[in-house]
Every structure is written in C-alpha cells, then in structure tokens.
Amino acid sequence: MAIKNRIKPEVNPSMSSMTDIVFLLLIFFLITSTLINPNALKLLLPKSTGQVAAKATVSVSVKDWHDGNYSYHINGNQEAIPFDQVEDALIGELQDKEDPTFSIFADETVPVKEVVALMNIAKRNHYKVIMATSPE
C-alpha cells in the first residue's frame, strides 16, 4: 500500500526581502555619493574654449588669500605646503610615471608669476603641464 503525500510545498520565494535589500543599497549609495568631494578647494578657474585630451596624474592647486599669501595644495590635499616644497613633492609623486604630467588649478586672482613659477618647475624636471580652466 503506497501512501502519497497530497500536500505539495510551494516553491515561490518571497520577494519582500529582496526589495528591502535593494532599498537599503539605494540609500547607502545616495548617502556615500554626497560625501565624495573631488575638489576640496573652491577655486574660480579662468574660462577658456580650448580643451586638452591629456590626463594629468598630479594636480597642483594655488589659492589666493587676497593678502599677498598663496597656498599650494598637491592632489587637492587640504593641508597647504610652502612653495619651496612643491618641487620635491612633485618629484616624489611623478618619479615613476611613464609620461609625467601635472595640472595647475590656479584661482583666477592668482598672479601670473605664481603660475609661471610652477611652469618653471615643470621645465626643470621635463614634466608636461596642463593649465586647468572652466569651459565658457
């Protein structure tokens, strides 16, 4: 005598837990994306129409404090370094790069002589320089 089980288990999984996980991931990514700040320094860049396709590996930001003082920041670092240490920092960052290139992010009120001083560092060390601007 063969006894058959007439109750068959349901194989339909509940999707409510999956929607909870997707919702939590959405909230997580929304919160973390607001924390990302690529440029920590607020600079008013000069405007231009020309764009360069080259990618710089290091950035140097120059901030004008409107009192005759300028601060230099490597790769958007909040801590400023003195100008006499900028060259050593660039050499350290670019020493093992195949095509050493750095970009200059200078506030539009920074005098040209400060930018030219950074370009002279590039010339002495045979680096390529990109001057960052805002599109018009």
C-alpha atoms as a PDB file:
ATOM      1  CA  MET A   1       0.000   0.000   0.000  1.00  0.00           C
ATOM      2  CA  ALA A   2       1.571   3.173  -1.240  1.00  0.00           C
ATOM      3  CA  ILE A   3       0.798   6.328   0.730  1.00  0.00           C
ATOM      4  CA  LYS A   4       1.128   9.556  -1.246  1.00  0.00           C
ATOM      5  CA  ASN A   5       1.602  12.916   0.312  1.00  0.00           C
ATOM      6  CA  ARG A   6      -1.064  15.197  -1.112  1.00  0.00           C
ATOM      7  CA  ILE A   7       0.431  18.416   0.301  1.00  0.00           C
ATOM      8  CA  LYS A   8       2.981  19.857  -2.087  1.00  0.00           C
ATOM      9  CA  PRO A   9       5.359  22.553  -0.836  1.00  0.00           C
ATOM     10  CA  GLU A  10       5.207  25.927  -2.578  1.00  0.00           C
ATOM     11  CA  VAL A  11       8.377  26.904  -4.402  1.00  0.00           C
ATOM     12  CA  ASN A  12       7.563  30.615  -4.835  1.00  0.00           C
ATOM     13  CA  PRO A  13      10.131  32.606  -2.833  1.00  0.00           C
ATOM     14  CA  SER A  14       9.071  35.853  -1.235  1.00  0.00           C
ATOM     15  CA  MET A  15      10.478  38.956  -2.945  1.00  0.00           C
ATOM     16  CA  SER A  16       9.937  41.271   0.013  1.00  0.00           C
ATOM     17  CA  SER A  17      13.376  40.608   1.473  1.00  0.00           C
ATOM     18  CA  MET A  18      14.996  41.304  -1.909  1.00  0.00           C
ATOM     19  CA  THR A  19      13.233  44.651  -2.219  1.00  0.00           C
ATOM     20  CA  ASP A  20      14.377  45.550   1.310  1.00  0.00           C
ATOM     21  CA  ILE A  21      17.987  44.854   0.364  1.00  0.00           C
ATOM     22  CA  VAL A  22      17.741  46.902  -2.844  1.00  0.00           C
ATOM     23  CA  PHE A  23      16.187  49.782  -0.920  1.00  0.00           C
ATOM     24  CA  LEU A  24      18.963  49.715   1.703  1.00  0.00           C
ATOM     25  CA  LEU A  25      21.638  49.647  -1.000  1.00  0.00           C
ATOM     26  CA  LEU A  26      19.995  52.603  -2.730  1.00  0.00           C
ATOM     27  CA  ILE A  27      20.037  54.609   0.491  1.00  0.00           C
ATOM     28  CA  PHE A  28      23.669  53.627   1.146  1.00  0.00           C
ATOM     29  CA  PHE A  29      24.853  54.767  -2.292  1.00  0.00           C
ATOM     30  CA  LEU A  30      22.892  58.020  -2.101  1.00  0.00           C
ATOM     31  CA  ILE A  31      24.477  58.901   1.226  1.00  0.00           C
ATOM     32  CA  THR A  32      28.024  57.941   0.222  1.00  0.00           C
ATOM     33  CA  SER A  33      27.840  59.764  -3.117  1.00  0.00           C
ATOM     34  CA  THR A  34      27.153  63.048  -1.323  1.00  0.00           C
ATOM     35  CA  LEU A  35      30.308  62.583   0.766  1.00  0.00           C
ATOM     36  CA  ILE A  36      32.574  62.389  -2.263  1.00  0.00           C
ATOM     37  CA  ASN A  37      34.143  65.779  -2.978  1.00  0.00           C
ATOM     38  CA  PRO A  38      36.678  65.693  -5.863  1.00  0.00           C
ATOM     39  CA  ASN A  39      37.874  69.278  -5.408  1.00  0.00           C
ATOM     40  CA  ALA A  40      38.156  70.193  -1.785  1.00  0.00           C
ATOM     41  CA  LEU A  41      39.366  73.682  -2.649  1.00  0.00           C
ATOM     42  CA  LYS A  42      36.865  76.116  -4.054  1.00  0.00           C
ATOM     43  CA  LEU A  43      38.644  77.833  -6.936  1.00  0.00           C
ATOM     44  CA  LEU A  44      37.282  80.196  -9.537  1.00  0.00           C
ATOM     45  CA  LEU A  45      39.116  78.970 -12.615  1.00  0.00           C
ATOM     46  CA  PRO A  46      39.615  81.191 -15.650  1.00  0.00           C
ATOM     47  CA  LYS A  47      37.359  80.431 -18.604  1.00  0.00           C
ATOM     48  CA  SER A  48      38.524  79.141 -21.983  1.00  0.00           C
ATOM     49  CA  THR A  49      37.215  77.361 -25.053  1.00  0.00           C
ATOM     50  CA  GLY A  50      40.178  75.028 -25.618  1.00  0.00           C
ATOM     51  CA  GLN A  51      40.158  71.597 -24.044  1.00  0.00           C
ATOM     52  CA  VAL A  52      43.055  69.141 -23.706  1.00  0.00           C
ATOM     53  CA  ALA A  53      42.568  65.401 -24.049  1.00  0.00           C
ATOM     54  CA  ALA A  54      45.652  64.513 -21.967  1.00  0.00           C
ATOM     55  CA  LYS A  55      45.181  63.250 -18.429  1.00  0.00           C
ATOM     56  CA  ALA A  56      47.322  64.679 -15.648  1.00  0.00           C
ATOM     57  CA  THR A  57      48.405  62.317 -12.894  1.00  0.00           C
ATOM     58  CA  VAL A  58      49.037  65.019 -10.258  1.00  0.00           C
ATOM     59  CA  SER A  59      47.298  68.317  -9.617  1.00  0.00           C
ATOM     60  CA  VAL A  60      48.679  71.458  -8.002  1.00  0.00           C
ATOM     61  CA  SER A  61      46.119  73.951  -6.713  1.00  0.00           C
ATOM     62  CA  VAL A  62      47.060  77.560  -5.981  1.00  0.00           C
ATOM     63  CA  LYS A  63      44.719  79.545  -3.747  1.00  0.00           C
ATOM     64  CA  ASP A  64      44.868  83.332  -3.373  1.00  0.00           C
ATOM     65  CA  TRP A  65      44.048  84.550   0.135  1.00  0.00           C
ATOM     66  CA  HIS A  66      43.885  88.222  -1.023  1.00  0.00           C
ATOM     67  CA  ASP A  67      46.512  89.317   1.480  1.00  0.00           C
ATOM     68  CA  GLY A  68      49.602  88.603  -0.609  1.00  0.00           C
ATOM     69  CA  ASN A  69      49.735  84.981   0.532  1.00  0.00           C
ATOM     70  CA  TYR A  70      49.190  81.967  -1.687  1.00  0.00           C
ATOM     71  CA  SER A  71      48.714  78.356  -0.619  1.00  0.00           C
ATOM     72  CA  TYR A  72      49.819  75.350  -2.661  1.00  0.00           C
ATOM     73  CA  HIS A  73      47.985  72.034  -2.436  1.00  0.00           C
ATOM     74  CA  ILE A  74      49.066  68.776  -4.086  1.00  0.00           C
ATOM     75  CA  ASN A  75      46.245  66.499  -5.334  1.00  0.00           C
ATOM     76  CA  GLY A  76      43.538  68.514  -3.572  1.00  0.00           C
ATOM     77  CA  ASN A  77      45.050  67.926  -0.133  1.00  0.00           C
ATOM     78  CA  GLN A  78      43.583  70.295   2.470  1.00  0.00           C
ATOM     79  CA  GLU A  79      46.987  70.818   4.072  1.00  0.00           C
ATOM     80  CA  ALA A  80      48.955  73.506   2.246  1.00  0.00           C
ATOM     81  CA  ILE A  81      52.671  73.182   1.621  1.00  0.00           C
ATOM     82  CA  PRO A  82      55.152  76.043   1.151  1.00  0.00           C
ATOM     83  CA  PHE A  83      56.286  76.855  -2.370  1.00  0.00           C
ATOM     84  CA  ASP A  84      59.853  75.676  -1.700  1.00  0.00           C
ATOM     85  CA  GLN A  85      58.500  72.159  -1.006  1.00  0.00           C
ATOM     86  CA  VAL A  86      56.275  71.968  -4.095  1.00  0.00           C
ATOM     87  CA  GLU A  87      59.079  70.798  -6.384  1.00  0.00           C
ATOM     88  CA  ASP A  88      60.135  68.000  -4.031  1.00  0.00           C
ATOM     89  CA  ALA A  89      56.517  66.887  -3.644  1.00  0.00           C
ATOM     90  CA  LEU A  90      56.031  66.822  -7.430  1.00  0.00           C
ATOM     91  CA  ILE A  91      59.241  64.843  -7.923  1.00  0.00           C
ATOM     92  CA  GLY A  92      58.056  62.334  -5.335  1.00  0.00           C
ATOM     93  CA  GLU A  93      54.651  61.980  -6.989  1.00  0.00           C
ATOM     94  CA  LEU A  94      55.881  61.814 -10.604  1.00  0.00           C
ATOM     95  CA  GLN A  95      59.205  59.954 -10.308  1.00  0.00           C
ATOM     96  CA  ASP A  96      57.941  56.562 -11.511  1.00  0.00           C
ATOM     97  CA  LYS A  97      55.357  57.790 -14.028  1.00  0.00           C
ATOM     98  CA  GLU A  98      55.782  56.944 -17.689  1.00  0.00           C
ATOM     99  CA  ASP A  99      54.593  60.321 -19.007  1.00  0.00           C
ATOM    100  CA  PRO A 100      54.915  62.754 -16.065  1.00  0.00           C
ATOM    101  CA  THR A 101      52.198  65.386 -16.363  1.00  0.00           C
ATOM    102  CA  PHE A 102      50.670  67.667 -13.765  1.00  0.00           C
ATOM    103  CA  SER A 103      47.848  70.136 -13.965  1.00  0.00           C
ATOM    104  CA  ILE A 104      47.753  73.590 -12.414  1.00  0.00           C
ATOM    105  CA  PHE A 105      44.486  74.679 -10.838  1.00  0.00           C
ATOM    106  CA  ALA A 106      45.070  78.370 -10.175  1.00  0.00           C
ATOM    107  CA  ASP A 107      42.402  80.688  -8.839  1.00  0.00           C
ATOM    108  CA  GLU A 108      41.642  83.422 -11.380  1.00  0.00           C
ATOM    109  CA  THR A 109      43.003  86.065  -8.981  1.00  0.00           C
ATOM    110  CA  VAL A 110      46.421  84.381  -8.669  1.00  0.00           C
ATOM    111  CA  PRO A 111      49.121  86.482 -10.390  1.00  0.00           C
ATOM    112  CA  VAL A 112      50.767  85.066 -13.478  1.00  0.00           C
ATOM    113  CA  LYS A 113      54.182  84.988 -11.782  1.00  0.00           C
ATOM    114  CA  GLU A 114      52.944  82.295  -9.353  1.00  0.00           C
ATOM    115  CA  VAL A 115      51.741  80.146 -12.255  1.00  0.00           C
ATOM    116  CA  VAL A 116      54.972  80.722 -14.193  1.00  0.00           C
ATOM    117  CA  ALA A 117      56.957  79.602 -11.140  1.00  0.00           C
ATOM    118  CA  LEU A 118      55.102  76.266 -11.277  1.00  0.00           C
ATOM    119  CA  MET A 119      55.743  76.048 -15.012  1.00  0.00           C
ATOM    120  CA  ASN A 120      59.451  76.589 -14.352  1.00  0.00           C
ATOM    121  CA  ILE A 121      59.409  73.573 -12.029  1.00  0.00           C
ATOM    122  CA  ALA A 122      57.948  71.542 -14.896  1.00  0.00           C
ATOM    123  CA  LYS A 123      60.595  72.798 -17.302  1.00  0.00           C
ATOM    124  CA  ARG A 124      63.479  71.983 -14.937  1.00  0.00           C
ATOM    125  CA  ASN A 125      62.214  68.432 -14.434  1.00  0.00           C
ATOM    126  CA  HIS A 126      60.962  67.816 -18.007  1.00  0.00           C
ATOM    127  CA  TYR A 127      57.316  67.469 -16.973  1.00  0.00           C
ATOM    128  CA  LYS A 128      54.308  68.321 -19.101  1.00  0.00           C
ATOM    129  CA  VAL A 129      51.899  70.920 -17.726  1.00  0.00           C
ATOM    130  CA  ILE A 130      48.161  71.370 -18.187  1.00  0.00           C
ATOM    131  CA  MET A 131      46.531  74.628 -17.130  1.00  0.00           C
ATOM    132  CA  ALA A 132      43.050  73.872 -15.795  1.00  0.00           C
ATOM    133  CA  THR A 133      40.242  76.190 -16.867  1.00  0.00           C
ATOM    134  CA  SER A 134      36.463  76.287 -16.762  1.00  0.00           C
ATOM    135  CA  PRO A 135      34.566  75.899 -20.030  1.00  0.00           C
ATOM    136  CA  GLU A 136      32.936  79.053 -21.390  1.00  0.00           C
END
